[in-house]
Amino acid sequence: MYLLFGTKKILLIDSGATVASTSFPIRKHVEGIINRWCLNNKKQRKDLELVVAHTHNHLDHIAGDGQFQSQLYTTVVGTSVEDMSYFFKLSKWPYSIGTFALDNQRQLAIIPIPGHENASIAFYDCATGLLITGDSLLPGRLYIANFSANVDSIERLLYFIESNNLNVSAILGAHIEMTQTDKVDYPIGATYQPKERLLNLSLDHLHQLNNELQEQWKAGFDQRHKAYYDAFIVDPNPSQLPPYPSDERMAEHGFILLPL
């Protein structure tokens, strides 16, 4: 989750994986941060609109929305492609680029990047050079639900950055799943992750991902595969991969087939 401040609006990107405020009071924490900011900047809470938006429509990114809905000075953006398109004025999804102003000095670019999920978007903060990519690029497993859409999205994201000569100070994803050892991730579902890799990635990592996707796309469906890089793993959904013998599939998941 990321909380970005302007003098007129505040943007919370993703609301977390927990519904119950008793176990994870995300709104309480966010409002506490906002109130401290208001105190330090001589603002009143009513002068600032909190907008809750999302990198994509998966439960671990939207579960906390209910804590913000129907609250004063707060807008929760819907999670469908239609909702995202309407709010960010994306007239031709996924090819439009939207803008969102936190104030007159801090503008965000909104770039649709479906592939991990149909409603995936990236946020580029023009003031800081931060590129927030959700689960589409992070130090971990890059799950791809729609391979062709993902190829197109990552290529367009890179083109947007480079054609506009934008500075990328860091690429920030939504999870850390890689260890400090290159190409080694933590087990799925791990809750104890000592010696994590740093969260921030660079433009070089976006180039790596784009090159890998382009190469696999050009090689054709039969050559599509899981690919390991130092900082991330390209991990297409099984439906996006060619079929392979059951013994190989079992071995990949840690099972060994013994002869009868």
C-alpha atoms as a PDB file:
ATOM      1  CA  MET A   1       0.000   0.000   0.000  1.00  0.00           C
ATOM      2  CA  TYR A   2       1.153   3.502  -0.784  1.00  0.00           C
ATOM      3  CA  LEU A   3      -0.148   6.817   0.556  1.00  0.00           C
ATOM      4  CA  LEU A   4       0.627   9.851  -1.618  1.00  0.00           C
ATOM      5  CA  PHE A   5      -0.048  13.391  -0.411  1.00  0.00           C
ATOM      6  CA  GLY A   6      -0.957  16.585  -2.189  1.00  0.00           C
ATOM      7  CA  THR A   7      -2.345  19.799  -0.762  1.00  0.00           C
ATOM      8  CA  LYS A   8      -5.822  19.057  -2.153  1.00  0.00           C
ATOM      9  CA  LYS A   9      -6.071  15.278  -2.422  1.00  0.00           C
ATOM     10  CA  ILE A  10      -4.496  12.188  -0.913  1.00  0.00           C
ATOM     11  CA  LEU A  11      -4.237   8.897  -2.780  1.00  0.00           C
ATOM     12  CA  LEU A  12      -4.181   5.510  -1.061  1.00  0.00           C
ATOM     13  CA  ILE A  13      -3.079   2.857  -3.536  1.00  0.00           C
ATOM     14  CA  ASP A  14      -4.552  -0.515  -2.470  1.00  0.00           C
ATOM     15  CA  SER A  15      -6.308  -1.192   0.819  1.00  0.00           C
ATOM     16  CA  GLY A  16      -4.723  -4.466   1.896  1.00  0.00           C
ATOM     17  CA  ALA A  17      -5.703  -8.088   2.320  1.00  0.00           C
ATOM     18  CA  THR A  18      -7.801  -7.893   5.492  1.00  0.00           C
ATOM     19  CA  VAL A  19     -11.509  -7.071   5.732  1.00  0.00           C
ATOM     20  CA  ALA A  20     -11.950  -6.802   9.507  1.00  0.00           C
ATOM     21  CA  SER A  21     -10.937  -3.530  11.130  1.00  0.00           C
ATOM     22  CA  THR A  22     -10.506  -5.366  14.434  1.00  0.00           C
ATOM     23  CA  SER A  23      -7.518  -7.309  13.105  1.00  0.00           C
ATOM     24  CA  PHE A  24      -6.185  -4.738  10.623  1.00  0.00           C
ATOM     25  CA  PRO A  25      -7.570  -1.202  11.128  1.00  0.00           C
ATOM     26  CA  ILE A  26      -6.168   0.232   7.914  1.00  0.00           C
ATOM     27  CA  ARG A  27      -8.501   3.246   7.880  1.00  0.00           C
ATOM     28  CA  LYS A  28      -7.568   4.149  11.456  1.00  0.00           C
ATOM     29  CA  HIS A  29      -3.878   4.085  10.565  1.00  0.00           C
ATOM     30  CA  VAL A  30      -4.369   6.079   7.359  1.00  0.00           C
ATOM     31  CA  GLU A  31      -6.490   8.725   9.076  1.00  0.00           C
ATOM     32  CA  GLY A  32      -3.885   8.974  11.824  1.00  0.00           C
ATOM     33  CA  ILE A  33      -1.183   9.709   9.251  1.00  0.00           C
ATOM     34  CA  ILE A  34      -3.437  12.244   7.515  1.00  0.00           C
ATOM     35  CA  ASN A  35      -4.235  14.028  10.771  1.00  0.00           C
ATOM     36  CA  ARG A  36      -0.545  14.310  11.627  1.00  0.00           C
ATOM     37  CA  TRP A  37       0.150  15.673   8.153  1.00  0.00           C
ATOM     38  CA  CYS A  38      -2.655  18.213   8.555  1.00  0.00           C
ATOM     39  CA  LEU A  39      -1.237  19.324  11.891  1.00  0.00           C
ATOM     40  CA  ASN A  40       2.267  19.748  10.473  1.00  0.00           C
ATOM     41  CA  ASN A  41       1.004  21.568   7.365  1.00  0.00           C
ATOM     42  CA  LYS A  42      -1.659  23.726   9.033  1.00  0.00           C
ATOM     43  CA  LYS A  43      -4.521  22.080   7.146  1.00  0.00           C
ATOM     44  CA  GLN A  44      -7.917  20.835   8.236  1.00  0.00           C
ATOM     45  CA  ARG A  45      -9.041  17.299   7.418  1.00  0.00           C
ATOM     46  CA  LYS A  46     -12.113  18.599   5.588  1.00  0.00           C
ATOM     47  CA  ASP A  47      -9.836  20.400   3.123  1.00  0.00           C
ATOM     48  CA  LEU A  48      -8.430  17.117   1.796  1.00  0.00           C
ATOM     49  CA  GLU A  49     -10.189  14.366  -0.154  1.00  0.00           C
ATOM     50  CA  LEU A  50      -8.864  10.856   0.377  1.00  0.00           C
ATOM     51  CA  VAL A  51      -9.132   8.742  -2.772  1.00  0.00           C
ATOM     52  CA  VAL A  52      -8.740   4.976  -2.430  1.00  0.00           C
ATOM     53  CA  ALA A  53      -7.720   3.368  -5.725  1.00  0.00           C
ATOM     54  CA  HIS A  54      -6.108   0.068  -6.663  1.00  0.00           C
ATOM     55  CA  THR A  55      -3.378  -1.420  -8.783  1.00  0.00           C
ATOM     56  CA  HIS A  56      -5.767  -4.242  -9.696  1.00  0.00           C
ATOM     57  CA  ASN A  57      -8.852  -6.154  -8.629  1.00  0.00           C
ATOM     58  CA  HIS A  58      -7.486  -8.988  -6.479  1.00  0.00           C
ATOM     59  CA  LEU A  59      -8.723  -9.553  -2.941  1.00  0.00           C
ATOM     60  CA  ASP A  60      -5.365  -8.951  -1.274  1.00  0.00           C
ATOM     61  CA  HIS A  61      -5.417  -5.420  -2.701  1.00  0.00           C
ATOM     62  CA  ILE A  62      -9.053  -4.431  -2.139  1.00  0.00           C
ATOM     63  CA  ALA A  63     -10.154  -6.233   1.039  1.00  0.00           C
ATOM     64  CA  GLY A  64      -9.885  -3.115   3.205  1.00  0.00           C
ATOM     65  CA  ASP A  65     -12.161  -1.008   0.984  1.00  0.00           C
ATOM     66  CA  GLY A  66     -15.164  -1.505   3.239  1.00  0.00           C
ATOM     67  CA  GLN A  67     -13.455   0.416   6.034  1.00  0.00           C
ATOM     68  CA  PHE A  68     -13.346   3.516   3.818  1.00  0.00           C
ATOM     69  CA  GLN A  69     -16.727   3.339   2.115  1.00  0.00           C
ATOM     70  CA  SER A  70     -19.344   5.927   3.149  1.00  0.00           C
ATOM     71  CA  GLN A  71     -16.777   7.863   5.192  1.00  0.00           C
ATOM     72  CA  LEU A  72     -16.478  11.660   5.149  1.00  0.00           C
ATOM     73  CA  TYR A  73     -14.038  13.259   2.696  1.00  0.00           C
ATOM     74  CA  THR A  74     -13.346   9.861   1.143  1.00  0.00           C
ATOM     75  CA  THR A  75     -13.899   8.373  -2.320  1.00  0.00           C
ATOM     76  CA  VAL A  76     -13.381   4.679  -3.039  1.00  0.00           C
ATOM     77  CA  VAL A  77     -12.786   3.986  -6.722  1.00  0.00           C
ATOM     78  CA  GLY A  78     -14.485   0.867  -8.076  1.00  0.00           C
ATOM     79  CA  THR A  79     -12.333  -2.039  -9.153  1.00  0.00           C
ATOM     80  CA  SER A  80     -13.711  -2.997 -12.575  1.00  0.00           C
ATOM     81  CA  VAL A  81     -12.282  -1.821 -15.893  1.00  0.00           C
ATOM     82  CA  GLU A  82     -15.411   0.302 -16.321  1.00  0.00           C
ATOM     83  CA  ASP A  83     -15.008   1.902 -12.887  1.00  0.00           C
ATOM     84  CA  MET A  84     -11.325   2.631 -13.433  1.00  0.00           C
ATOM     85  CA  SER A  85     -11.951   4.022 -16.907  1.00  0.00           C
ATOM     86  CA  TYR A  86     -14.713   6.318 -15.678  1.00  0.00           C
ATOM     87  CA  PHE A  87     -12.873   7.688 -12.659  1.00  0.00           C
ATOM     88  CA  PHE A  88      -9.517   8.253 -14.356  1.00  0.00           C
ATOM     89  CA  LYS A  89     -11.088   9.333 -17.682  1.00  0.00           C
ATOM     90  CA  LEU A  90      -9.542   6.516 -19.683  1.00  0.00           C
ATOM     91  CA  SER A  91     -11.647   6.781 -22.822  1.00  0.00           C
ATOM     92  CA  LYS A  92     -10.022   3.905 -24.701  1.00  0.00           C
ATOM     93  CA  TRP A  93      -8.901   1.176 -22.323  1.00  0.00           C
ATOM     94  CA  PRO A  94      -6.123   0.027 -22.247  1.00  0.00           C
ATOM     95  CA  TYR A  95      -4.554   2.501 -24.673  1.00  0.00           C
ATOM     96  CA  SER A  96      -5.504   5.778 -22.982  1.00  0.00           C
ATOM     97  CA  ILE A  97      -3.225   7.448 -20.458  1.00  0.00           C
ATOM     98  CA  GLY A  98      -5.056   9.159 -17.608  1.00  0.00           C
ATOM     99  CA  THR A  99      -3.965  11.866 -15.198  1.00  0.00           C
ATOM    100  CA  PHE A 100      -4.792  12.397 -11.555  1.00  0.00           C
ATOM    101  CA  ALA A 101      -3.874  15.594  -9.728  1.00  0.00           C
ATOM    102  CA  LEU A 102      -3.121  15.612  -6.027  1.00  0.00           C
ATOM    103  CA  ASP A 103      -2.705  19.380  -6.329  1.00  0.00           C
ATOM    104  CA  ASN A 104      -1.391  21.896  -8.870  1.00  0.00           C
ATOM    105  CA  GLN A 105       2.176  20.690  -8.374  1.00  0.00           C
ATOM    106  CA  ARG A 106       1.804  16.910  -8.080  1.00  0.00           C
ATOM    107  CA  GLN A 107       0.351  14.991 -11.008  1.00  0.00           C
ATOM    108  CA  LEU A 108       0.134  11.245 -11.514  1.00  0.00           C
ATOM    109  CA  ALA A 109      -0.068   9.429 -14.828  1.00  0.00           C
ATOM    110  CA  ILE A 110      -2.421   6.432 -14.895  1.00  0.00           C
ATOM    111  CA  ILE A 111      -1.331   3.693 -17.305  1.00  0.00           C
ATOM    112  CA  PRO A 112      -3.554   0.637 -17.894  1.00  0.00           C
ATOM    113  CA  ILE A 113      -1.472  -2.559 -17.886  1.00  0.00           C
ATOM    114  CA  PRO A 114      -3.850  -5.561 -18.022  1.00  0.00           C
ATOM    115  CA  GLY A 115      -2.238  -8.984 -18.003  1.00  0.00           C
ATOM    116  CA  HIS A 116      -1.754  -9.915 -14.377  1.00  0.00           C
ATOM    117  CA  GLU A 117      -5.436  -8.995 -14.001  1.00  0.00           C
ATOM    118  CA  ASN A 118      -7.882  -7.348 -16.392  1.00  0.00           C
ATOM    119  CA  ALA A 119      -8.084  -4.060 -14.462  1.00  0.00           C
ATOM    120  CA  SER A 120      -4.378  -3.673 -13.671  1.00  0.00           C
ATOM    121  CA  ILE A 121      -2.962  -0.143 -13.783  1.00  0.00           C
ATOM    122  CA  ALA A 122       0.364   1.530 -13.027  1.00  0.00           C
ATOM    123  CA  PHE A 123       0.813   4.924 -11.375  1.00  0.00           C
ATOM    124  CA  TYR A 124       3.671   7.234 -12.384  1.00  0.00           C
ATOM    125  CA  ASP A 125       4.346  10.071  -9.948  1.00  0.00           C
ATOM    126  CA  CYS A 126       5.708  12.974 -11.982  1.00  0.00           C
ATOM    127  CA  ALA A 127       6.987  14.747  -8.857  1.00  0.00           C
ATOM    128  CA  THR A 128       9.160  11.923  -7.519  1.00  0.00           C
ATOM    129  CA  GLY A 129       9.741   9.646 -10.514  1.00  0.00           C
ATOM    130  CA  LEU A 130       8.208   6.691  -8.672  1.00  0.00           C
ATOM    131  CA  LEU A 131       6.524   4.071 -10.855  1.00  0.00           C
ATOM    132  CA  ILE A 132       4.055   1.943  -8.876  1.00  0.00           C
ATOM    133  CA  THR A 133       3.303  -1.310 -10.680  1.00  0.00           C
ATOM    134  CA  GLY A 134       1.304  -3.467  -8.253  1.00  0.00           C
ATOM    135  CA  ASP A 135       1.768  -7.166  -9.019  1.00  0.00           C
ATOM    136  CA  SER A 136       2.797  -6.599 -12.643  1.00  0.00           C
ATOM    137  CA  LEU A 137       6.434  -5.972 -11.720  1.00  0.00           C
ATOM    138  CA  LEU A 138       7.811  -6.661  -8.255  1.00  0.00           C
ATOM    139  CA  PRO A 139      10.654  -8.578  -6.587  1.00  0.00           C
ATOM    140  CA  GLY A 140       8.847 -11.896  -6.720  1.00  0.00           C
ATOM    141  CA  ARG A 141       6.639 -14.088  -8.866  1.00  0.00           C
ATOM    142  CA  LEU A 142       5.015 -12.231 -11.757  1.00  0.00           C
ATOM    143  CA  TYR A 143       1.804 -14.182 -12.248  1.00  0.00           C
ATOM    144  CA  ILE A 144       0.413 -13.693 -15.750  1.00  0.00           C
ATOM    145  CA  ALA A 145      -3.256 -14.480 -16.343  1.00  0.00           C
ATOM    146  CA  ASN A 146      -3.373 -13.176 -19.931  1.00  0.00           C
ATOM    147  CA  PHE A 147      -0.045 -13.514 -21.694  1.00  0.00           C
ATOM    148  CA  SER A 148      -0.815 -11.568 -24.862  1.00  0.00           C
ATOM    149  CA  ALA A 149      -2.310  -8.672 -22.893  1.00  0.00           C
ATOM    150  CA  ASN A 150       0.701  -8.652 -20.579  1.00  0.00           C
ATOM    151  CA  VAL A 151       3.156  -8.538 -23.473  1.00  0.00           C
ATOM    152  CA  ASP A 152       1.328  -5.534 -24.907  1.00  0.00           C
ATOM    153  CA  SER A 153       1.002  -3.801 -21.532  1.00  0.00           C
ATOM    154  CA  ILE A 154       4.656  -4.007 -20.510  1.00  0.00           C
ATOM    155  CA  GLU A 155       5.731  -2.832 -23.953  1.00  0.00           C
ATOM    156  CA  ARG A 156       3.350   0.151 -23.743  1.00  0.00           C
ATOM    157  CA  LEU A 157       4.472   0.985 -20.211  1.00  0.00           C
ATOM    158  CA  LEU A 158       8.111   1.051 -21.283  1.00  0.00           C
ATOM    159  CA  TYR A 159       7.240   3.097 -24.374  1.00  0.00           C
ATOM    160  CA  PHE A 160       5.324   5.608 -22.235  1.00  0.00           C
ATOM    161  CA  ILE A 161       8.343   6.104 -19.975  1.00  0.00           C
ATOM    162  CA  GLU A 162      10.954   6.324 -22.708  1.00  0.00           C
ATOM    163  CA  SER A 163       8.998   8.274 -25.332  1.00  0.00           C
ATOM    164  CA  ASN A 164       8.289  10.960 -22.742  1.00  0.00           C
ATOM    165  CA  ASN A 165      11.893  10.891 -21.475  1.00  0.00           C
ATOM    166  CA  LEU A 166      10.663  10.351 -17.923  1.00  0.00           C
ATOM    167  CA  ASN A 167      12.940   9.814 -14.971  1.00  0.00           C
ATOM    168  CA  VAL A 168      12.195   6.622 -13.023  1.00  0.00           C
ATOM    169  CA  SER A 169      13.701   6.937  -9.563  1.00  0.00           C
ATOM    170  CA  ALA A 170      12.361   3.518  -8.519  1.00  0.00           C
ATOM    171  CA  ILE A 171       9.806   0.915  -9.535  1.00  0.00           C
ATOM    172  CA  LEU A 172       7.686  -0.138  -6.578  1.00  0.00           C
ATOM    173  CA  GLY A 173       5.603  -3.306  -6.632  1.00  0.00           C
ATOM    174  CA  ALA A 174       3.123  -4.626  -4.100  1.00  0.00           C
ATOM    175  CA  HIS A 175       4.953  -7.644  -2.640  1.00  0.00           C
ATOM    176  CA  ILE A 176       8.431  -8.912  -1.822  1.00  0.00           C
ATOM    177  CA  GLU A 177       8.798 -12.634  -2.561  1.00  0.00           C
ATOM    178  CA  MET A 178      12.501 -12.883  -3.460  1.00  0.00           C
ATOM    179  CA  THR A 179      15.390 -13.564  -1.127  1.00  0.00           C
ATOM    180  CA  GLN A 180      18.705 -11.733  -1.289  1.00  0.00           C
ATOM    181  CA  THR A 181      20.005 -14.748  -3.217  1.00  0.00           C
ATOM    182  CA  ASP A 182      19.527 -14.201  -6.938  1.00  0.00           C
ATOM    183  CA  LYS A 183      16.702 -16.220  -8.547  1.00  0.00           C
ATOM    184  CA  VAL A 184      15.575 -17.705  -5.221  1.00  0.00           C
ATOM    185  CA  ASP A 185      12.090 -16.914  -3.916  1.00  0.00           C
ATOM    186  CA  TYR A 186      10.365 -17.739  -0.640  1.00  0.00           C
ATOM    187  CA  PRO A 187       7.783 -20.554  -0.554  1.00  0.00           C
ATOM    188  CA  ILE A 188       4.278 -19.517  -1.556  1.00  0.00           C
ATOM    189  CA  GLY A 189       2.377 -18.428   1.542  1.00  0.00           C
ATOM    190  CA  ALA A 190       5.489 -17.769   3.631  1.00  0.00           C
ATOM    191  CA  THR A 191       4.925 -15.394   6.550  1.00  0.00           C
ATOM    192  CA  TYR A 192       8.529 -15.355   7.755  1.00  0.00           C
ATOM    193  CA  GLN A 193      10.921 -13.967   5.176  1.00  0.00           C
ATOM    194  CA  PRO A 194      14.366 -13.198   6.614  1.00  0.00           C
ATOM    195  CA  LYS A 195      16.899 -11.468   4.360  1.00  0.00           C
ATOM    196  CA  GLU A 196      14.408 -10.165   1.828  1.00  0.00           C
ATOM    197  CA  ARG A 197      15.493  -8.540  -1.394  1.00  0.00           C
ATOM    198  CA  LEU A 198      14.907  -4.785  -1.431  1.00  0.00           C
ATOM    199  CA  LEU A 199      11.481  -3.644  -2.629  1.00  0.00           C
ATOM    200  CA  ASN A 200      12.634  -1.093  -5.170  1.00  0.00           C
ATOM    201  CA  LEU A 201      13.438  -2.158  -8.721  1.00  0.00           C
ATOM    202  CA  SER A 202      14.840  -0.066 -11.567  1.00  0.00           C
ATOM    203  CA  LEU A 203      14.128   0.719 -15.195  1.00  0.00           C
ATOM    204  CA  ASP A 204      16.623  -2.009 -16.094  1.00  0.00           C
ATOM    205  CA  HIS A 205      14.247  -4.555 -14.556  1.00  0.00           C
ATOM    206  CA  LEU A 206      11.389  -3.255 -16.699  1.00  0.00           C
ATOM    207  CA  HIS A 207      13.628  -3.708 -19.747  1.00  0.00           C
ATOM    208  CA  GLN A 208      14.460  -7.256 -18.621  1.00  0.00           C
ATOM    209  CA  LEU A 209      10.793  -8.122 -18.255  1.00  0.00           C
ATOM    210  CA  ASN A 210       9.873  -6.583 -21.594  1.00  0.00           C
ATOM    211  CA  ASN A 211      12.682  -8.421 -23.400  1.00  0.00           C
ATOM    212  CA  GLU A 212      11.696 -11.765 -21.850  1.00  0.00           C
ATOM    213  CA  LEU A 213       8.036 -11.349 -22.755  1.00  0.00           C
ATOM    214  CA  GLN A 214       8.845 -10.252 -26.301  1.00  0.00           C
ATOM    215  CA  GLU A 215      11.176 -13.197 -26.843  1.00  0.00           C
ATOM    216  CA  GLN A 216       8.639 -15.711 -25.554  1.00  0.00           C
ATOM    217  CA  TRP A 217       5.881 -14.137 -27.643  1.00  0.00           C
ATOM    218  CA  LYS A 218       7.954 -14.310 -30.823  1.00  0.00           C
ATOM    219  CA  ALA A 219       9.010 -17.904 -30.074  1.00  0.00           C
ATOM    220  CA  GLY A 220       5.379 -18.993 -30.039  1.00  0.00           C
ATOM    221  CA  PHE A 221       3.031 -20.703 -27.624  1.00  0.00           C
ATOM    222  CA  ASP A 222       4.929 -24.008 -27.556  1.00  0.00           C
ATOM    223  CA  GLN A 223       8.066 -22.253 -26.270  1.00  0.00           C
ATOM    224  CA  ARG A 224       6.356 -20.297 -23.498  1.00  0.00           C
ATOM    225  CA  HIS A 225       7.801 -21.036 -20.058  1.00  0.00           C
ATOM    226  CA  LYS A 226       8.557 -19.897 -16.532  1.00  0.00           C
ATOM    227  CA  ALA A 227      11.678 -17.709 -16.503  1.00  0.00           C
ATOM    228  CA  TYR A 228      13.972 -16.925 -13.566  1.00  0.00           C
ATOM    229  CA  TYR A 229      15.762 -13.598 -13.181  1.00  0.00           C
ATOM    230  CA  ASP A 230      17.815 -12.292 -10.272  1.00  0.00           C
ATOM    231  CA  ALA A 231      15.019 -10.057  -8.966  1.00  0.00           C
ATOM    232  CA  PHE A 232      11.827 -11.655 -10.301  1.00  0.00           C
ATOM    233  CA  ILE A 233      10.277 -14.767 -11.817  1.00  0.00           C
ATOM    234  CA  VAL A 234       8.060 -14.632 -14.903  1.00  0.00           C
ATOM    235  CA  ASP A 235       5.308 -17.081 -13.975  1.00  0.00           C
ATOM    236  CA  PRO A 236       2.498 -17.474 -16.536  1.00  0.00           C
ATOM    237  CA  ASN A 237      -0.759 -19.083 -15.458  1.00  0.00           C
ATOM    238  CA  PRO A 238      -0.863 -22.781 -16.497  1.00  0.00           C
ATOM    239  CA  SER A 239      -3.647 -21.919 -18.953  1.00  0.00           C
ATOM    240  CA  GLN A 240      -1.163 -19.626 -20.706  1.00  0.00           C
ATOM    241  CA  LEU A 241       1.482 -22.359 -21.026  1.00  0.00           C
ATOM    242  CA  PRO A 242       1.787 -25.305 -23.406  1.00  0.00           C
ATOM    243  CA  PRO A 243       0.850 -28.712 -21.979  1.00  0.00           C
ATOM    244  CA  TYR A 244       3.706 -30.938 -20.883  1.00  0.00           C
ATOM    245  CA  PRO A 245       3.968 -34.539 -19.642  1.00  0.00           C
ATOM    246  CA  SER A 246       2.393 -35.293 -16.285  1.00  0.00           C
ATOM    247  CA  ASP A 247       5.691 -36.515 -14.808  1.00  0.00           C
ATOM    248  CA  GLU A 248       7.293 -33.123 -15.519  1.00  0.00           C
ATOM    249  CA  ARG A 249       4.294 -31.337 -14.046  1.00  0.00           C
ATOM    250  CA  MET A 250       4.444 -33.467 -10.896  1.00  0.00           C
ATOM    251  CA  ALA A 251       8.197 -32.956 -10.548  1.00  0.00           C
ATOM    252  CA  GLU A 252       7.791 -29.176 -10.752  1.00  0.00           C
ATOM    253  CA  HIS A 253       5.493 -29.319  -7.730  1.00  0.00           C
ATOM    254  CA  GLY A 254       7.868 -31.475  -5.702  1.00  0.00           C
ATOM    255  CA  PHE A 255       6.430 -34.926  -6.393  1.00  0.00           C
ATOM    256  CA  ILE A 256       8.382 -37.900  -7.731  1.00  0.00           C
ATOM    257  CA  LEU A 257       6.669 -40.551  -9.817  1.00  0.00           C
ATOM    258  CA  LEU A 258       7.849 -44.076  -8.993  1.00  0.00           C
ATOM    259  CA  PRO A 259       7.468 -47.003 -11.418  1.00  0.00           C
ATOM    260  CA  LEU A 260       4.796 -49.525 -10.482  1.00  0.00           C
END
